[in-house]
């Protein structure tokens, strides 16, 4: 993650302070995501299934990838929703 400041300064033309704020934002988002997924994993019936679902979701194609389009990304997300929906969170 330490490359974020260098990337922001060199490629995005940010000053060092704005690049530092970007790094702080990335770190806060990471901590928040880890806490949220931990909370969900503690309340799901199968932590292994949840971990597998997270891995699949993170490998979904996106608009940022020039090799895939929006329809492909939405199709994969729709398919994964069918796999993940049986997980019972909070019971």
PDB file of N, CA and C in Angstrom:
ATOM      1  N   UNK A   1       0.794  -1.190   0.000  1.00  0.00           N
ATOM      2  CA  UNK A   1       0.000   0.000   0.000  1.00  0.00           C
ATOM      3  C   UNK A   1       0.846   1.267   0.000  1.00  0.00           C
ATOM      4  N   UNK A   2       2.097   1.142   0.347  1.00  0.00           N
ATOM      5  CA  UNK A   2       2.917   2.349   0.424  1.00  0.00           C
ATOM      6  C   UNK A   2       3.146   2.984  -0.938  1.00  0.00           C
ATOM      7  N   UNK A   3       2.899   2.251  -1.999  1.00  0.00           N
ATOM      8  CA  UNK A   3       3.064   2.815  -3.340  1.00  0.00           C
ATOM      9  C   UNK A   3       1.963   3.809  -3.687  1.00  0.00           C
ATOM     10  N   UNK A   4       0.888   3.840  -2.910  1.00  0.00           N
ATOM     11  CA  UNK A   4      -0.247   4.709  -3.222  1.00  0.00           C
ATOM     12  C   UNK A   4       0.181   6.169  -3.267  1.00  0.00           C
ATOM     13  N   UNK A   5       1.016   6.591  -2.324  1.00  0.00           N
ATOM     14  CA  UNK A   5       1.451   7.986  -2.305  1.00  0.00           C
ATOM     15  C   UNK A   5       2.289   8.287  -3.539  1.00  0.00           C
ATOM     16  N   UNK A   6       3.228   7.402  -3.864  1.00  0.00           N
ATOM     17  CA  UNK A   6       4.064   7.618  -5.048  1.00  0.00           C
ATOM     18  C   UNK A   6       3.218   7.634  -6.317  1.00  0.00           C
ATOM     19  N   UNK A   7       2.248   6.732  -6.410  1.00  0.00           N
ATOM     20  CA  UNK A   7       1.358   6.702  -7.564  1.00  0.00           C
ATOM     21  C   UNK A   7       0.546   7.991  -7.665  1.00  0.00           C
ATOM     22  N   UNK A   8       0.012   8.440  -6.523  1.00  0.00           N
ATOM     23  CA  UNK A   8      -0.811   9.656  -6.528  1.00  0.00           C
ATOM     24  C   UNK A   8       0.000  10.872  -6.946  1.00  0.00           C
ATOM     25  N   UNK A   9       1.253  10.948  -6.488  1.00  0.00           N
ATOM     26  CA  UNK A   9       2.089  12.104  -6.819  1.00  0.00           C
ATOM     27  C   UNK A   9       2.562  12.037  -8.265  1.00  0.00           C
ATOM     28  N   UNK A  10       3.063  10.875  -8.688  1.00  0.00           N
ATOM     29  CA  UNK A  10       3.658  10.758 -10.022  1.00  0.00           C
ATOM     30  C   UNK A  10       2.616  10.698 -11.136  1.00  0.00           C
ATOM     31  N   UNK A  11       1.574   9.907 -10.945  1.00  0.00           N
ATOM     32  CA  UNK A  11       0.626   9.671 -12.034  1.00  0.00           C
ATOM     33  C   UNK A  11      -0.632  10.535 -11.966  1.00  0.00           C
ATOM     34  N   UNK A  12      -1.059  10.884 -10.771  1.00  0.00           N
ATOM     35  CA  UNK A  12      -2.292  11.656 -10.629  1.00  0.00           C
ATOM     36  C   UNK A  12      -2.038  13.135 -10.367  1.00  0.00           C
ATOM     37  N   UNK A  13      -0.778  13.502 -10.274  1.00  0.00           N
ATOM     38  CA  UNK A  13      -0.360  14.897 -10.036  1.00  0.00           C
ATOM     39  C   UNK A  13      -0.897  15.461  -8.723  1.00  0.00           C
ATOM     40  N   UNK A  14      -1.011  14.611  -7.697  1.00  0.00           N
ATOM     41  CA  UNK A  14      -1.396  15.074  -6.363  1.00  0.00           C
ATOM     42  C   UNK A  14      -0.165  15.626  -5.666  1.00  0.00           C
ATOM     43  N   UNK A  15      -0.365  16.502  -4.683  1.00  0.00           N
ATOM     44  CA  UNK A  15       0.764  16.884  -3.842  1.00  0.00           C
ATOM     45  C   UNK A  15       0.923  15.808  -2.759  1.00  0.00           C
ATOM     46  N   UNK A  16       2.003  15.880  -1.971  1.00  0.00           N
ATOM     47  CA  UNK A  16       2.285  14.831  -0.994  1.00  0.00           C
ATOM     48  C   UNK A  16       1.205  14.720   0.080  1.00  0.00           C
ATOM     49  N   UNK A  17       0.666  15.833   0.493  1.00  0.00           N
ATOM     50  CA  UNK A  17      -0.362  15.788   1.541  1.00  0.00           C
ATOM     51  C   UNK A  17      -1.627  15.110   1.023  1.00  0.00           C
ATOM     52  N   UNK A  18      -2.040  15.443  -0.170  1.00  0.00           N
ATOM     53  CA  UNK A  18      -3.232  14.813  -0.747  1.00  0.00           C
ATOM     54  C   UNK A  18      -2.981  13.321  -0.992  1.00  0.00           C
ATOM     55  N   UNK A  19      -1.767  12.964  -1.406  1.00  0.00           N
ATOM     56  CA  UNK A  19      -1.421  11.553  -1.558  1.00  0.00           C
ATOM     57  C   UNK A  19      -1.457  10.812  -0.230  1.00  0.00           C
ATOM     58  N   UNK A  20      -1.010  11.481   0.839  1.00  0.00           N
ATOM     59  CA  UNK A  20      -1.083  10.888   2.173  1.00  0.00           C
ATOM     60  C   UNK A  20      -2.515  10.662   2.619  1.00  0.00           C
ATOM     61  N   UNK A  21      -3.382  11.620   2.313  1.00  0.00           N
ATOM     62  CA  UNK A  21      -4.797  11.452   2.631  1.00  0.00           C
ATOM     63  C   UNK A  21      -5.402  10.289   1.848  1.00  0.00           C
ATOM     64  N   UNK A  22      -4.977  10.128   0.616  1.00  0.00           N
ATOM     65  CA  UNK A  22      -5.461   9.003  -0.183  1.00  0.00           C
ATOM     66  C   UNK A  22      -5.033   7.680   0.449  1.00  0.00           C
ATOM     67  N   UNK A  23      -3.777   7.599   0.893  1.00  0.00           N
ATOM     68  CA  UNK A  23      -3.296   6.393   1.561  1.00  0.00           C
ATOM     69  C   UNK A  23      -4.088   6.135   2.839  1.00  0.00           C
ATOM     70  N   UNK A  24      -4.340   7.172   3.621  1.00  0.00           N
ATOM     71  CA  UNK A  24      -5.122   7.008   4.850  1.00  0.00           C
ATOM     72  C   UNK A  24      -6.526   6.502   4.544  1.00  0.00           C
ATOM     73  N   UNK A  25      -7.125   7.010   3.487  1.00  0.00           N
ATOM     74  CA  UNK A  25      -8.463   6.575   3.091  1.00  0.00           C
ATOM     75  C   UNK A  25      -8.465   5.101   2.690  1.00  0.00           C
ATOM     76  N   UNK A  26      -7.447   4.697   1.944  1.00  0.00           N
ATOM     77  CA  UNK A  26      -7.333   3.293   1.535  1.00  0.00           C
ATOM     78  C   UNK A  26      -7.185   2.394   2.760  1.00  0.00           C
ATOM     79  N   UNK A  27      -6.366   2.802   3.716  1.00  0.00           N
ATOM     80  CA  UNK A  27      -6.160   2.003   4.921  1.00  0.00           C
ATOM     81  C   UNK A  27      -7.441   1.904   5.752  1.00  0.00           C
ATOM     82  N   UNK A  28      -8.148   3.006   5.902  1.00  0.00           N
ATOM     83  CA  UNK A  28      -9.400   2.993   6.669  1.00  0.00           C
ATOM     84  C   UNK A  28     -10.434   2.096   5.992  1.00  0.00           C
ATOM     85  N   UNK A  29     -10.509   2.153   4.673  1.00  0.00           N
ATOM     86  CA  UNK A  29     -11.437   1.281   3.946  1.00  0.00           C
ATOM     87  C   UNK A  29     -11.063  -0.186   4.145  1.00  0.00           C
ATOM     88  N   UNK A  30      -9.775  -0.488   4.153  1.00  0.00           N
ATOM     89  CA  UNK A  30      -9.334  -1.863   4.371  1.00  0.00           C
ATOM     90  C   UNK A  30      -9.691  -2.379   5.753  1.00  0.00           C
ATOM     91  N   UNK A  31      -9.468  -1.567   6.771  1.00  0.00           N
ATOM     92  CA  UNK A  31      -9.812  -1.964   8.140  1.00  0.00           C
ATOM     93  C   UNK A  31     -11.317  -2.162   8.274  1.00  0.00           C
ATOM     94  N   UNK A  32     -12.087  -1.247   7.717  1.00  0.00           N
ATOM     95  CA  UNK A  32     -13.543  -1.347   7.784  1.00  0.00           C
ATOM     96  C   UNK A  32     -14.039  -2.615   7.093  1.00  0.00           C
ATOM     97  N   UNK A  33     -13.482  -2.904   5.929  1.00  0.00           N
ATOM     98  CA  UNK A  33     -13.875  -4.115   5.212  1.00  0.00           C
ATOM     99  C   UNK A  33     -13.535  -5.379   5.976  1.00  0.00           C
ATOM    100  N   UNK A  34     -12.348  -5.421   6.576  1.00  0.00           N
ATOM    101  CA  UNK A  34     -11.966  -6.605   7.352  1.00  0.00           C
ATOM    102  C   UNK A  34     -12.887  -6.804   8.553  1.00  0.00           C
ATOM    103  N   UNK A  35     -13.212  -5.719   9.238  1.00  0.00           N
ATOM    104  CA  UNK A  35     -14.127  -5.832  10.376  1.00  0.00           C
ATOM    105  C   UNK A  35     -15.515  -6.287   9.936  1.00  0.00           C
ATOM    106  N   UNK A  36     -15.998  -5.752   8.827  1.00  0.00           N
ATOM    107  CA  UNK A  36     -17.327  -6.131   8.334  1.00  0.00           C
ATOM    108  C   UNK A  36     -17.365  -7.601   7.933  1.00  0.00           C
ATOM    109  N   UNK A  37     -16.365  -8.061   7.191  1.00  0.00           N
ATOM    110  CA  UNK A  37     -16.353  -9.465   6.782  1.00  0.00           C
ATOM    111  C   UNK A  37     -16.180 -10.386   7.986  1.00  0.00           C
ATOM    112  N   UNK A  38     -15.412  -9.960   8.983  1.00  0.00           N
ATOM    113  CA  UNK A  38     -15.282 -10.750  10.206  1.00  0.00           C
ATOM    114  C   UNK A  38     -16.603 -10.860  10.945  1.00  0.00           C
ATOM    115  N   UNK A  39     -17.331  -9.763  11.019  1.00  0.00           N
ATOM    116  CA  UNK A  39     -18.649  -9.753  11.652  1.00  0.00           C
ATOM    117  C   UNK A  39     -19.598 -10.705  10.927  1.00  0.00           C
ATOM    118  N   UNK A  40     -19.608 -10.636   9.604  1.00  0.00           N
ATOM    119  CA  UNK A  40     -20.481 -11.508   8.813  1.00  0.00           C
ATOM    120  C   UNK A  40     -20.060 -12.968   8.958  1.00  0.00           C
ATOM    121  N   UNK A  41     -18.754 -13.234   8.962  1.00  0.00           N
ATOM    122  CA  UNK A  41     -18.270 -14.609   9.092  1.00  0.00           C
ATOM    123  C   UNK A  41     -18.640 -15.204  10.444  1.00  0.00           C
ATOM    124  N   UNK A  42     -18.598 -14.402  11.494  1.00  0.00           N
ATOM    125  CA  UNK A  42     -18.967 -14.894  12.818  1.00  0.00           C
ATOM    126  C   UNK A  42     -20.434 -15.280  12.896  1.00  0.00           C
ATOM    127  N   UNK A  43     -21.264 -14.673  12.083  1.00  0.00           N
ATOM    128  CA  UNK A  43     -22.693 -14.924  12.151  1.00  0.00           C
ATOM    129  C   UNK A  43     -23.225 -15.846  11.055  1.00  0.00           C
ATOM    130  N   UNK A  44     -22.376 -16.260  10.153  1.00  0.00           N
ATOM    131  CA  UNK A  44     -22.837 -17.156   9.090  1.00  0.00           C
ATOM    132  C   UNK A  44     -22.710 -18.600   9.554  1.00  0.00           C
ATOM    133  N   UNK A  45     -23.413 -19.464   8.889  1.00  0.00           N
ATOM    134  CA  UNK A  45     -23.366 -20.879   9.251  1.00  0.00           C
ATOM    135  C   UNK A  45     -22.068 -21.537   8.811  1.00  0.00           C
ATOM    136  N   UNK A  46     -21.546 -21.104   7.691  1.00  0.00           N
ATOM    137  CA  UNK A  46     -20.341 -21.727   7.152  1.00  0.00           C
ATOM    138  C   UNK A  46     -19.328 -20.649   6.793  1.00  0.00           C
ATOM    139  N   UNK A  47     -18.322 -20.508   7.637  1.00  0.00           N
ATOM    140  CA  UNK A  47     -17.285 -19.509   7.365  1.00  0.00           C
ATOM    141  C   UNK A  47     -16.512 -19.870   6.096  1.00  0.00           C
ATOM    142  N   UNK A  48     -16.355 -21.155   5.818  1.00  0.00           N
ATOM    143  CA  UNK A  48     -15.658 -21.580   4.604  1.00  0.00           C
ATOM    144  C   UNK A  48     -16.395 -21.172   3.345  1.00  0.00           C
ATOM    145  N   UNK A  49     -17.714 -21.329   3.362  1.00  0.00           N
ATOM    146  CA  UNK A  49     -18.509 -20.916   2.203  1.00  0.00           C
ATOM    147  C   UNK A  49     -18.452 -19.410   2.018  1.00  0.00           C
ATOM    148  N   UNK A  50     -18.462 -18.683   3.119  1.00  0.00           N
ATOM    149  CA  UNK A  50     -18.372 -17.228   3.030  1.00  0.00           C
ATOM    150  C   UNK A  50     -17.019 -16.806   2.476  1.00  0.00           C
ATOM    151  N   UNK A  51     -15.953 -17.442   2.934  1.00  0.00           N
ATOM    152  CA  UNK A  51     -14.619 -17.119   2.436  1.00  0.00           C
ATOM    153  C   UNK A  51     -14.504 -17.433   0.948  1.00  0.00           C
ATOM    154  N   UNK A  52     -15.076 -18.550   0.519  1.00  0.00           N
ATOM    155  CA  UNK A  52     -15.081 -18.883  -0.905  1.00  0.00           C
ATOM    156  C   UNK A  52     -15.865 -17.850  -1.701  1.00  0.00           C
ATOM    157  N   UNK A  53     -16.984 -17.408  -1.163  1.00  0.00           N
ATOM    158  CA  UNK A  53     -17.793 -16.393  -1.840  1.00  0.00           C
ATOM    159  C   UNK A  53     -17.038 -15.080  -1.976  1.00  0.00           C
ATOM    160  N   UNK A  54     -16.316 -14.694  -0.925  1.00  0.00           N
ATOM    161  CA  UNK A  54     -15.525 -13.467  -0.986  1.00  0.00           C
ATOM    162  C   UNK A  54     -14.476 -13.578  -2.086  1.00  0.00           C
ATOM    163  N   UNK A  55     -13.810 -14.723  -2.171  1.00  0.00           N
ATOM    164  CA  UNK A  55     -12.814 -14.930  -3.221  1.00  0.00           C
ATOM    165  C   UNK A  55     -13.412 -14.840  -4.612  1.00  0.00           C
ATOM    166  N   UNK A  56     -14.590 -15.413  -4.786  1.00  0.00           N
ATOM    167  CA  UNK A  56     -15.249 -15.347  -6.089  1.00  0.00           C
ATOM    168  C   UNK A  56     -15.662 -13.922  -6.435  1.00  0.00           C
ATOM    169  N   UNK A  57     -16.206 -13.215  -5.456  1.00  0.00           N
ATOM    170  CA  UNK A  57     -16.637 -11.836  -5.706  1.00  0.00           C
ATOM    171  C   UNK A  57     -15.446 -10.961  -6.075  1.00  0.00           C
ATOM    172  N   UNK A  58     -14.316 -11.173  -5.411  1.00  0.00           N
ATOM    173  CA  UNK A  58     -13.143 -10.352  -5.695  1.00  0.00           C
ATOM    174  C   UNK A  58     -12.536 -10.651  -7.061  1.00  0.00           C
ATOM    175  N   UNK A  59     -12.853 -11.795  -7.626  1.00  0.00           N
ATOM    176  CA  UNK A  59     -12.307 -12.127  -8.941  1.00  0.00           C
ATOM    177  C   UNK A  59     -13.265 -11.781 -10.077  1.00  0.00           C
ATOM    178  N   UNK A  60     -14.362 -11.117  -9.748  1.00  0.00           N
ATOM    179  CA  UNK A  60     -15.362 -10.748 -10.752  1.00  0.00           C
ATOM    180  C   UNK A  60     -14.766  -9.741 -11.728  1.00  0.00           C
ATOM    181  N   UNK A  61     -15.012  -9.933 -12.987  1.00  0.00           N
ATOM    182  CA  UNK A  61     -14.560  -8.935 -13.955  1.00  0.00           C
ATOM    183  C   UNK A  61     -15.259  -7.602 -13.717  1.00  0.00           C
ATOM    184  N   UNK A  62     -14.621  -6.542 -14.105  1.00  0.00           N
ATOM    185  CA  UNK A  62     -15.215  -5.222 -13.902  1.00  0.00           C
ATOM    186  C   UNK A  62     -15.049  -4.368 -15.148  1.00  0.00           C
ATOM    187  N   UNK A  63     -15.663  -3.208 -15.123  1.00  0.00           N
ATOM    188  CA  UNK A  63     -15.533  -2.272 -16.237  1.00  0.00           C
ATOM    189  C   UNK A  63     -14.099  -1.789 -16.392  1.00  0.00           C
ATOM    190  N   UNK A  64     -13.327  -1.838 -15.324  1.00  0.00           N
ATOM    191  CA  UNK A  64     -11.942  -1.379 -15.384  1.00  0.00           C
ATOM    192  C   UNK A  64     -11.064  -2.332 -16.196  1.00  0.00           C
ATOM    193  N   UNK A  65     -11.502  -3.563 -16.345  1.00  0.00           N
ATOM    194  CA  UNK A  65     -10.750  -4.546 -17.113  1.00  0.00           C
ATOM    195  C   UNK A  65     -11.189  -4.456 -18.569  1.00  0.00           C
ATOM    196  N   UNK A  66     -10.296  -4.067 -19.468  1.00  0.00           N
ATOM    197  CA  UNK A  66     -10.705  -3.881 -20.865  1.00  0.00           C
ATOM    198  C   UNK A  66     -11.094  -5.174 -21.577  1.00  0.00           C
ATOM    199  N   UNK A  67     -10.740  -6.315 -21.012  1.00  0.00           N
ATOM    200  CA  UNK A  67     -11.063  -7.592 -21.659  1.00  0.00           C
ATOM    201  C   UNK A  67     -12.496  -8.046 -21.399  1.00  0.00           C
ATOM    202  N   UNK A  68     -13.133  -7.454 -20.414  1.00  0.00           N
ATOM    203  CA  UNK A  68     -14.502  -7.849 -20.098  1.00  0.00           C
ATOM    204  C   UNK A  68     -15.411  -6.634 -20.157  1.00  0.00           C
ATOM    205  N   UNK A  69     -16.651  -6.885 -20.338  1.00  0.00           N
ATOM    206  CA  UNK A  69     -17.617  -5.798 -20.412  1.00  0.00           C
ATOM    207  C   UNK A  69     -18.549  -5.786 -19.219  1.00  0.00           C
ATOM    208  N   UNK A  70     -19.433  -4.842 -19.214  1.00  0.00           N
ATOM    209  CA  UNK A  70     -20.381  -4.687 -18.111  1.00  0.00           C
ATOM    210  C   UNK A  70     -21.322  -5.889 -18.026  1.00  0.00           C
ATOM    211  N   UNK A  71     -21.748  -6.422 -19.158  1.00  0.00           N
ATOM    212  CA  UNK A  71     -22.670  -7.562 -19.146  1.00  0.00           C
ATOM    213  C   UNK A  71     -22.009  -8.771 -18.495  1.00  0.00           C
ATOM    214  N   UNK A  72     -20.734  -9.007 -18.805  1.00  0.00           N
ATOM    215  CA  UNK A  72     -20.017 -10.129 -18.199  1.00  0.00           C
ATOM    216  C   UNK A  72     -19.950  -9.965 -16.693  1.00  0.00           C
ATOM    217  N   UNK A  73     -19.586  -8.772 -16.249  1.00  0.00           N
ATOM    218  CA  UNK A  73     -19.476  -8.522 -14.814  1.00  0.00           C
ATOM    219  C   UNK A  73     -20.820  -8.712 -14.118  1.00  0.00           C
ATOM    220  N   UNK A  74     -21.884  -8.182 -14.689  1.00  0.00           N
ATOM    221  CA  UNK A  74     -23.205  -8.320 -14.078  1.00  0.00           C
ATOM    222  C   UNK A  74     -23.685  -9.767 -14.089  1.00  0.00           C
ATOM    223  N   UNK A  75     -23.343 -10.516 -15.126  1.00  0.00           N
ATOM    224  CA  UNK A  75     -23.727 -11.926 -15.191  1.00  0.00           C
ATOM    225  C   UNK A  75     -23.055 -12.728 -14.088  1.00  0.00           C
ATOM    226  N   UNK A  76     -21.783 -12.461 -13.871  1.00  0.00           N
ATOM    227  CA  UNK A  76     -21.056 -13.175 -12.819  1.00  0.00           C
ATOM    228  C   UNK A  76     -21.611 -12.802 -11.450  1.00  0.00           C
ATOM    229  N   UNK A  77     -21.888 -11.538 -11.234  1.00  0.00           N
ATOM    230  CA  UNK A  77     -22.447 -11.109  -9.949  1.00  0.00           C
ATOM    231  C   UNK A  77     -23.809 -11.759  -9.723  1.00  0.00           C
ATOM    232  N   UNK A  78     -24.638 -11.837 -10.750  1.00  0.00           N
ATOM    233  CA  UNK A  78     -25.954 -12.466 -10.614  1.00  0.00           C
ATOM    234  C   UNK A  78     -25.816 -13.948 -10.279  1.00  0.00           C
ATOM    235  N   UNK A  79     -24.876 -14.620 -10.912  1.00  0.00           N
ATOM    236  CA  UNK A  79     -24.655 -16.036 -10.617  1.00  0.00           C
ATOM    237  C   UNK A  79     -24.164 -16.226  -9.185  1.00  0.00           C
ATOM    238  N   UNK A  80     -23.266 -15.369  -8.744  1.00  0.00           N
ATOM    239  CA  UNK A  80     -22.746 -15.475  -7.385  1.00  0.00           C
ATOM    240  C   UNK A  80     -23.820 -15.169  -6.350  1.00  0.00           C
ATOM    241  N   UNK A  81     -24.719 -14.288  -6.678  1.00  0.00           N
ATOM    242  CA  UNK A  81     -25.800 -13.976  -5.745  1.00  0.00           C
ATOM    243  C   UNK A  81     -26.626 -15.225  -5.458  1.00  0.00           C
ATOM    244  N   UNK A  82     -26.829 -16.028  -6.462  1.00  0.00           N
ATOM    245  CA  UNK A  82     -27.555 -17.272  -6.264  1.00  0.00           C
ATOM    246  C   UNK A  82     -26.800 -18.254  -5.384  1.00  0.00           C
ATOM    247  N   UNK A  83     -25.472 -18.209  -5.432  1.00  0.00           N
ATOM    248  CA  UNK A  83     -24.668 -19.092  -4.590  1.00  0.00           C
ATOM    249  C   UNK A  83     -24.592 -18.595  -3.153  1.00  0.00           C
ATOM    250  N   UNK A  84     -24.553 -17.293  -2.984  1.00  0.00           N
ATOM    251  CA  UNK A  84     -24.342 -16.715  -1.661  1.00  0.00           C
ATOM    252  C   UNK A  84     -25.641 -16.558  -0.888  1.00  0.00           C
ATOM    253  N   UNK A  85     -26.758 -16.392  -1.572  1.00  0.00           N
ATOM    254  CA  UNK A  85     -28.019 -16.106  -0.889  1.00  0.00           C
ATOM    255  C   UNK A  85     -28.448 -17.178   0.114  1.00  0.00           C
ATOM    256  N   UNK A  86     -28.093 -18.460  -0.049  1.00  0.00           N
ATOM    257  CA  UNK A  86     -28.494 -19.433   0.969  1.00  0.00           C
ATOM    258  C   UNK A  86     -27.802 -19.247   2.319  1.00  0.00           C
ATOM    259  N   UNK A  87     -26.724 -18.467   2.370  1.00  0.00           N
ATOM    260  CA  UNK A  87     -26.061 -18.238   3.652  1.00  0.00           C
ATOM    261  C   UNK A  87     -27.000 -17.475   4.570  1.00  0.00           C
ATOM    262  N   UNK A  88     -27.139 -17.958   5.768  1.00  0.00           N
ATOM    263  CA  UNK A  88     -28.051 -17.321   6.709  1.00  0.00           C
ATOM    264  C   UNK A  88     -27.234 -16.513   7.698  1.00  0.00           C
ATOM    265  N   UNK A  89     -27.286 -15.224   7.550  1.00  0.00           N
ATOM    266  CA  UNK A  89     -26.530 -14.330   8.415  1.00  0.00           C
ATOM    267  C   UNK A  89     -27.416 -13.873   9.560  1.00  0.00           C
ATOM    268  N   UNK A  90     -26.893 -13.937  10.775  1.00  0.00           N
ATOM    269  CA  UNK A  90     -27.621 -13.439  11.934  1.00  0.00           C
ATOM    270  C   UNK A  90     -28.544 -14.446  12.590  1.00  0.00           C
ATOM    271  N   UNK A  91     -28.435 -15.727  12.231  1.00  0.00           N
ATOM    272  CA  UNK A  91     -29.300 -16.718  12.871  1.00  0.00           C
ATOM    273  C   UNK A  91     -28.491 -17.665  13.701  1.00  0.00           C
TER     274      UNK A  91
END
